[in-house]
Every structure is written in C-alpha cells, then in structure tokens.
Protein backbone atom coordinates (compact mmCIF):
# COMPACT_ATOMS: atom_id res chain seq x y z
CA MET A 1 71.73 -177.78 102.03
CA ASP A 2 71.83 -179.67 105.31
CA GLU A 3 68.92 -177.65 106.69
CA PHE A 4 66.54 -178.92 104.00
CA LYS A 5 64.46 -181.99 104.87
CA THR A 6 63.26 -184.36 102.17
CA TYR A 7 59.69 -185.68 102.19
CA ILE A 8 57.60 -187.75 99.79
CA TYR A 9 54.24 -186.50 98.55
CA THR A 10 51.83 -189.10 97.20
CA ASP A 11 49.17 -187.46 95.09
CA PRO A 12 45.70 -188.89 95.70
CA THR A 13 44.60 -187.73 92.23
CA THR A 14 47.35 -189.37 90.17
CA GLY A 15 48.60 -192.01 92.62
CA ASN A 16 52.17 -190.94 91.89
CA SER A 17 54.77 -189.93 94.47
CA ILE A 18 57.33 -187.15 94.24
CA PRO A 19 60.14 -186.26 96.65
CA TYR A 20 60.38 -182.64 97.71
CA ASN A 21 62.82 -180.67 99.85
CA VAL A 22 61.64 -178.21 102.50
CA PHE A 23 63.58 -175.51 104.33
CA LEU A 24 61.93 -174.01 107.40
CA PRO A 25 63.14 -170.76 108.99
CA LYS A 26 65.41 -171.07 112.03
CA ASN A 27 62.73 -169.95 114.50
CA TYR A 28 59.86 -171.61 112.65
CA ASP A 29 56.58 -170.94 114.43
CA THR A 30 53.34 -172.52 113.21
CA SER A 31 51.36 -169.59 114.60
CA LYS A 32 53.05 -167.25 112.07
CA GLN A 33 52.51 -167.07 108.32
CA TYR A 34 55.55 -167.24 106.04
CA PRO A 35 56.24 -166.42 102.43
CA LEU A 36 56.75 -169.48 100.23
CA TYR A 37 59.55 -169.67 97.68
CA PHE A 38 58.82 -172.59 95.27
CA PHE A 39 61.77 -173.55 93.05
CA ILE A 40 61.69 -176.08 90.18
CA ALA A 41 64.99 -177.11 88.59
CA ASP A 42 65.71 -177.74 84.93
CA SER A 43 65.54 -181.23 83.44
CA SER A 44 69.23 -181.95 84.07
CA ALA A 45 68.15 -182.54 87.68
CA ASN A 46 65.64 -185.23 86.66
CA ILE A 47 67.61 -188.04 88.32
CA ASN A 48 66.88 -190.38 91.22
CA ASP A 49 68.78 -188.33 93.79
CA ASN A 50 66.23 -186.48 95.92
CA ARG A 51 68.62 -183.63 96.75
CA THR A 52 69.89 -182.77 93.28
CA VAL A 53 67.63 -179.71 93.14
CA LEU A 54 69.51 -178.32 96.13
CA PHE A 55 72.85 -178.06 94.34
CA GLN A 56 71.87 -177.91 90.66
CA GLY A 57 71.59 -174.25 89.75
CA ASN A 58 71.57 -173.19 93.43
CA GLY A 59 68.01 -171.88 92.96
CA ALA A 60 66.61 -173.59 96.05
CA THR A 61 69.43 -172.79 98.45
CA VAL A 62 70.10 -169.16 97.55
CA PHE A 63 67.40 -167.83 99.88
CA ALA A 64 68.18 -170.30 102.70
CA SER A 65 71.42 -168.61 103.72
CA PRO A 66 71.43 -167.00 107.17
CA GLU A 67 71.93 -163.59 105.54
CA GLU A 68 68.91 -163.94 103.24
CA GLN A 69 66.73 -165.47 105.95
CA ALA A 70 67.60 -162.54 108.25
CA LYS A 71 66.25 -160.20 105.55
CA HIS A 72 63.39 -162.35 104.25
CA GLU A 73 62.39 -165.26 106.44
CA ALA A 74 60.65 -167.80 104.18
CA ILE A 75 59.71 -171.42 103.68
CA ILE A 76 61.53 -172.84 100.65
CA VAL A 77 60.29 -175.88 98.73
CA ALA A 78 62.02 -177.66 95.85
CA PRO A 79 60.40 -180.73 94.26
CA GLN A 80 62.66 -183.42 92.78
CA TYR A 81 61.20 -184.64 89.49
CA THR A 82 63.00 -187.98 89.32
CA GLN A 83 64.04 -190.23 86.44
CA ASP A 84 61.44 -192.69 87.73
CA LEU A 85 58.76 -190.03 87.19
CA VAL A 86 60.09 -189.32 83.69
CA ASP A 87 59.88 -193.06 82.96
CA THR A 88 56.35 -193.31 84.39
CA LEU A 89 54.73 -189.97 83.46
CA GLY A 90 57.02 -188.51 80.82
CA MET A 91 58.77 -185.16 81.02
CA MET A 92 57.22 -182.54 83.30
CA THR A 93 57.22 -180.00 80.45
CA THR A 94 57.74 -180.25 76.71
CA ASP A 95 58.23 -177.83 73.86
CA LYS A 96 54.59 -178.48 72.89
CA ASN A 97 53.55 -176.31 75.88
CA GLU A 98 50.89 -178.79 76.95
CA TRP A 99 49.69 -179.63 80.44
CA THR A 100 51.25 -182.99 81.34
CA PRO A 101 50.66 -185.59 84.08
CA GLY A 102 53.95 -184.39 85.60
CA LEU A 103 52.63 -180.83 85.79
CA THR A 104 49.50 -182.13 87.51
CA LEU A 105 51.68 -183.87 90.09
CA VAL A 106 53.83 -180.78 90.76
CA ASP A 107 50.80 -178.47 90.83
CA ASN A 108 49.06 -180.75 93.34
CA LEU A 109 52.24 -180.90 95.43
CA LEU A 110 52.39 -177.09 95.50
CA HIS A 111 48.79 -176.88 96.70
CA HIS A 112 49.50 -179.59 99.29
CA VAL A 113 52.42 -177.51 100.62
CA ILE A 114 50.23 -174.40 100.80
CA ALA A 115 47.60 -176.35 102.75
CA THR A 116 50.13 -178.06 105.06
CA TYR A 117 52.42 -175.20 106.11
CA PRO A 118 51.50 -171.75 107.49
CA ILE A 119 51.92 -169.98 104.15
CA ASP A 120 50.98 -166.34 103.59
CA LYS A 121 48.90 -166.75 100.44
CA ASN A 122 49.73 -163.16 99.43
CA ARG A 123 53.45 -163.98 99.35
CA ILE A 124 53.93 -167.07 97.20
CA TYR A 125 56.93 -166.77 94.88
CA GLY A 126 57.86 -169.14 92.07
CA SER A 127 61.12 -169.65 90.29
CA GLY A 128 62.62 -172.10 87.89
CA GLN A 129 65.01 -172.55 85.06
CA SER A 130 64.13 -174.11 81.70
CA GLN A 131 61.76 -176.98 82.68
CA GLY A 132 61.20 -175.27 86.03
CA GLY A 133 60.40 -171.90 84.45
CA MET A 134 58.04 -173.56 82.00
CA ALA A 135 56.31 -175.36 84.89
CA ASN A 136 56.00 -172.05 86.76
CA ILE A 137 54.37 -170.41 83.75
CA ALA A 138 52.00 -173.34 83.19
CA ILE A 139 50.93 -173.30 86.85
CA SER A 140 50.47 -169.50 86.66
CA ASP A 141 48.37 -169.83 83.53
CA LYS A 142 46.13 -172.32 85.36
CA HIS A 143 46.07 -170.29 88.61
CA PRO A 144 46.76 -166.65 87.62
CA ASP A 145 46.26 -165.34 91.16
CA LEU A 146 48.53 -167.88 92.88
CA PHE A 147 52.01 -166.37 92.62
CA THR A 148 52.85 -162.90 93.89
CA ALA A 149 55.91 -162.78 91.63
CA GLN A 150 58.09 -165.15 89.63
CA PHE A 151 61.69 -165.37 88.42
CA LEU A 152 61.71 -167.25 85.11
CA VAL A 153 65.08 -168.33 83.71
CA ALA A 154 65.77 -169.66 80.19
CA CYS A 155 62.22 -170.83 79.53
CA GLN A 156 59.26 -170.30 77.25
CA TRP A 157 55.60 -171.22 77.01
CA ASN A 158 52.58 -170.60 74.85
CA THR A 159 52.54 -166.80 74.61
CA GLU A 160 48.76 -166.70 74.09
CA GLU A 161 48.22 -168.56 77.37
CA MET A 162 50.68 -166.23 79.06
CA LYS A 163 48.44 -163.24 78.36
CA VAL A 164 46.62 -164.00 81.64
CA LEU A 165 49.88 -162.96 83.37
CA LYS A 166 49.92 -159.47 81.84
CA ASP A 167 49.56 -157.75 85.22
CA LYS A 168 51.84 -160.11 87.16
CA LYS A 169 55.31 -159.35 88.50
CA LEU A 170 57.66 -161.42 86.37
CA TRP A 171 61.43 -161.21 86.22
CA ILE A 172 62.50 -162.92 83.02
CA LEU A 173 66.09 -163.84 82.22
CA VAL A 174 66.93 -165.37 78.83
CA SER A 175 69.98 -165.41 76.60
CA GLU A 176 69.75 -163.84 73.15
CA GLY A 177 71.29 -167.06 71.84
CA ASP A 178 68.39 -169.18 73.08
CA ASP A 179 66.43 -169.55 69.85
CA LYS A 180 63.28 -170.76 71.66
CA ALA A 181 63.13 -168.82 74.92
CA TYR A 182 64.42 -165.45 73.68
CA PRO A 183 61.86 -164.85 70.92
CA GLY A 184 59.07 -166.45 72.92
CA MET A 185 59.65 -164.37 76.04
CA ASN A 186 60.00 -161.18 73.95
CA THR A 187 56.56 -161.92 72.49
CA ALA A 188 55.18 -162.70 75.95
CA THR A 189 56.59 -159.43 77.30
CA LYS A 190 55.16 -157.47 74.39
CA ASN A 191 51.74 -159.04 74.95
C-alpha cells in the first residue's frame, strides 16, 4: 500500500474532482509502455478516505506485490469514489443500469490516466466488485475496444447492452445466492 501515490483528478467536463491511487513499477521508465490494471472498489469504499480502495477487497494491491510485479510489471490505478462525490453526484452505479455523472467522472479519469502515463493500449485490464464491476461493464459497453480483459466480481448490468462484449475476455465471479448478479450474469454469458 505504501508504494501507491494518491493524486486528485479534476475533470474539465464535469468540474468534479476525484482522488485516485497510482502504483508505478519499481524501475518505472517513461520510454517503456506498461499494461494498466484499473480497479474500482464496491460501494462500501465510498468514504472520504482516499486510500480505502487499497485495503478494501485487496483488488488494487494484489498485483503490486514484488512477486506479481516480477511476473507482470504493470501500472495500477484505483479511483476513490468518495462520500462527497456520492453527496454531489449520486452513486456511481445503480440497479437501474444507467450511465450516471459518477460514471462520466470515472470514465474521464481512466482516459486521463491512459493519456498521462505510458500505457500499452493493447493491455488495459479492468476489475471491480459490485459497484466496481458494474462500472467496468458500463465503461466497456461505451468503449467496447478499450479493455483487453476484465475480472468482474458480484456485479450485473443491462444484459442487452452487454452483448457488445460477446467477443471480449471476461472472467465473471458471482455467488449463486446473489439474486441480482447471478441470473443477470448467466444471461449475459448466454448472450
């Protein structure tokens, strides 16, 4: 966790600001291109502590370990959707599966990161749980060629919109007891 640096992105489109955490490889070299691993936490992390996404669910830090970086050197980014953003913009995702102002902010942040860091655009990976998985799907629906692969945990989205992802590499993990995500992701997989 200590190797992540926290920055603030102010979106010129929405005027809103969002903190985000960035991990750079040990021998970071701006003349190289790196894969990007973009992790979005679930809504339990929507608090005003900019580093919550680094310990909640461990999704951001798992690939930052020296062992993983030795195998797969990558830039890791984890936005912190704060309580202040919830109060100002509303939840990032909802069960209505609609594009929200919060999704616009996170989507614009992702594109800012891609433009700012030496990212290999053929190796952009997304992951998230619940809210974060839903945000990943929504961003993929809007930009079907953006992510190389995604790991979606305990989430769902409009299965008709998800049809644009039919040829994408998705790893989907849901519990049979999740009465929203389990049937929805089974339909999405079937489609």
